[in-house]
């Protein structure tokens, strides 16, 4: 995994996501999820392309069930955008790189 992608736990969520000065794209995923594995390399590319403008983070729903419950994650992958400490957008399911890039650009 890219060193530009942040692995989020419930302990680091507030400091890494809610208090970030940049928009944060949070990918809720699990290792057994096929569509999640399709989204992973896209997130890697986006982390490099948006470095310095937006942050890409991942939450493993099997390890961080409390966070998944808090944000009502019912299906994975779910990608949420947080800006200014608030969840501003949510997409469920695998999408193309262009669709995710458009989502990020909308919140820069």
Protein backbone atom coordinates (compact mmCIF):
# COMPACT_ATOMS: atom_id res chain seq x y z
CA UNK A 1 0.00 0.00 0.00
CA UNK A 2 1.16 3.51 -0.83
CA UNK A 3 2.78 5.42 2.00
CA UNK A 4 0.42 8.26 1.09
CA UNK A 5 -2.63 6.25 2.18
CA UNK A 6 -3.51 6.49 5.86
CA UNK A 7 -4.84 3.45 7.71
CA UNK A 8 -7.48 4.71 10.10
CA UNK A 9 -8.50 3.28 13.45
CA UNK A 10 -11.14 4.61 15.82
CA UNK A 11 -8.27 6.11 17.84
CA UNK A 12 -6.84 8.04 14.88
CA UNK A 13 -10.12 8.93 13.12
CA UNK A 14 -10.62 12.31 14.79
CA UNK A 15 -7.04 13.54 14.31
CA UNK A 16 -6.52 12.13 10.79
CA UNK A 17 -9.98 12.73 9.29
CA UNK A 18 -12.15 15.13 11.27
CA UNK A 19 -9.36 17.60 12.09
CA UNK A 20 -7.67 17.45 8.67
CA UNK A 21 -7.14 20.78 6.92
CA UNK A 22 -7.69 18.99 3.57
CA UNK A 23 -10.61 16.91 2.28
CA UNK A 24 -10.24 13.26 3.29
CA UNK A 25 -11.53 10.39 1.17
CA UNK A 26 -12.21 7.39 3.42
CA UNK A 27 -12.48 3.96 1.79
CA UNK A 28 -14.37 1.50 4.02
CA UNK A 29 -13.24 -1.98 2.89
CA UNK A 30 -12.47 -5.57 3.89
CA UNK A 31 -9.84 -8.02 2.64
CA UNK A 32 -12.47 -10.61 1.56
CA UNK A 33 -14.40 -8.09 -0.58
CA UNK A 34 -13.77 -8.49 -4.32
CA UNK A 35 -14.98 -5.00 -5.35
CA UNK A 36 -12.83 -3.53 -2.53
CA UNK A 37 -9.77 -5.18 -4.09
CA UNK A 38 -10.70 -3.56 -7.43
CA UNK A 39 -10.92 -0.11 -5.79
CA UNK A 40 -7.61 -0.44 -3.87
CA UNK A 41 -5.23 0.29 -6.80
CA UNK A 42 -7.43 3.23 -7.85
CA UNK A 43 -7.10 4.70 -4.35
CA UNK A 44 -3.31 4.23 -4.58
CA UNK A 45 -3.19 6.22 -7.82
CA UNK A 46 -5.46 8.94 -6.43
CA UNK A 47 -3.34 9.22 -3.27
CA UNK A 48 -0.35 10.03 -5.48
CA UNK A 49 -2.24 12.33 -7.85
CA UNK A 50 -3.94 14.36 -5.12
CA UNK A 51 -0.96 14.40 -2.73
CA UNK A 52 -0.93 17.76 -0.96
CA UNK A 53 -4.51 18.59 -2.01
CA UNK A 54 -6.58 15.79 -0.48
CA UNK A 55 -5.88 12.77 1.70
CA UNK A 56 -6.84 9.16 1.05
CA UNK A 57 -7.59 6.94 4.04
CA UNK A 58 -8.76 3.36 4.51
CA UNK A 59 -10.86 1.79 7.25
CA UNK A 60 -10.91 -2.01 7.48
CA UNK A 61 -14.50 -2.70 8.56
CA UNK A 62 -13.57 -6.09 10.06
CA UNK A 63 -11.01 -4.45 12.37
CA UNK A 64 -12.92 -1.20 12.96
CA UNK A 65 -16.52 -2.31 13.34
CA UNK A 66 -17.29 0.61 15.63
CA UNK A 67 -16.41 3.13 12.91
CA UNK A 68 -18.36 1.16 10.32
CA UNK A 69 -21.41 1.21 12.62
CA UNK A 70 -20.96 4.91 13.43
CA UNK A 71 -21.15 5.82 9.73
CA UNK A 72 -23.84 3.22 8.94
CA UNK A 73 -21.70 1.27 6.49
CA UNK A 74 -24.03 -1.44 5.20
CA UNK A 75 -22.20 -2.40 1.99
CA UNK A 76 -18.57 -2.23 0.98
CA UNK A 77 -16.73 -0.66 -0.61
CA UNK A 78 -18.22 2.58 0.67
CA UNK A 79 -16.24 5.74 0.00
CA UNK A 80 -16.99 8.84 2.06
CA UNK A 81 -15.59 12.34 1.70
CA UNK A 82 -15.02 14.38 4.85
CA UNK A 83 -14.38 18.10 4.74
CA UNK A 84 -14.15 20.45 7.69
CA UNK A 85 -14.94 17.64 10.11
CA UNK A 86 -18.18 16.70 8.34
CA UNK A 87 -19.15 13.84 6.03
CA UNK A 88 -20.09 15.63 2.79
CA UNK A 89 -20.52 12.75 0.35
CA UNK A 90 -20.96 8.96 0.30
CA UNK A 91 -20.66 6.51 -2.61
CA UNK A 92 -21.42 2.81 -2.28
CA UNK A 93 -19.83 0.31 -4.63
CA UNK A 94 -16.84 0.14 -6.94
CA UNK A 95 -16.49 3.02 -9.39
CA UNK A 96 -14.03 4.10 -12.04
CA UNK A 97 -10.96 6.15 -11.28
CA UNK A 98 -12.52 9.08 -13.15
CA UNK A 99 -15.63 8.97 -10.98
CA UNK A 100 -13.57 8.98 -7.77
CA UNK A 101 -11.33 11.79 -9.11
CA UNK A 102 -14.42 13.83 -9.95
CA UNK A 103 -15.72 13.26 -6.43
CA UNK A 104 -12.45 14.53 -4.93
CA UNK A 105 -12.23 17.53 -7.27
CA UNK A 106 -15.76 18.57 -6.31
CA UNK A 107 -14.61 19.06 -2.70
CA UNK A 108 -11.20 20.71 -3.17
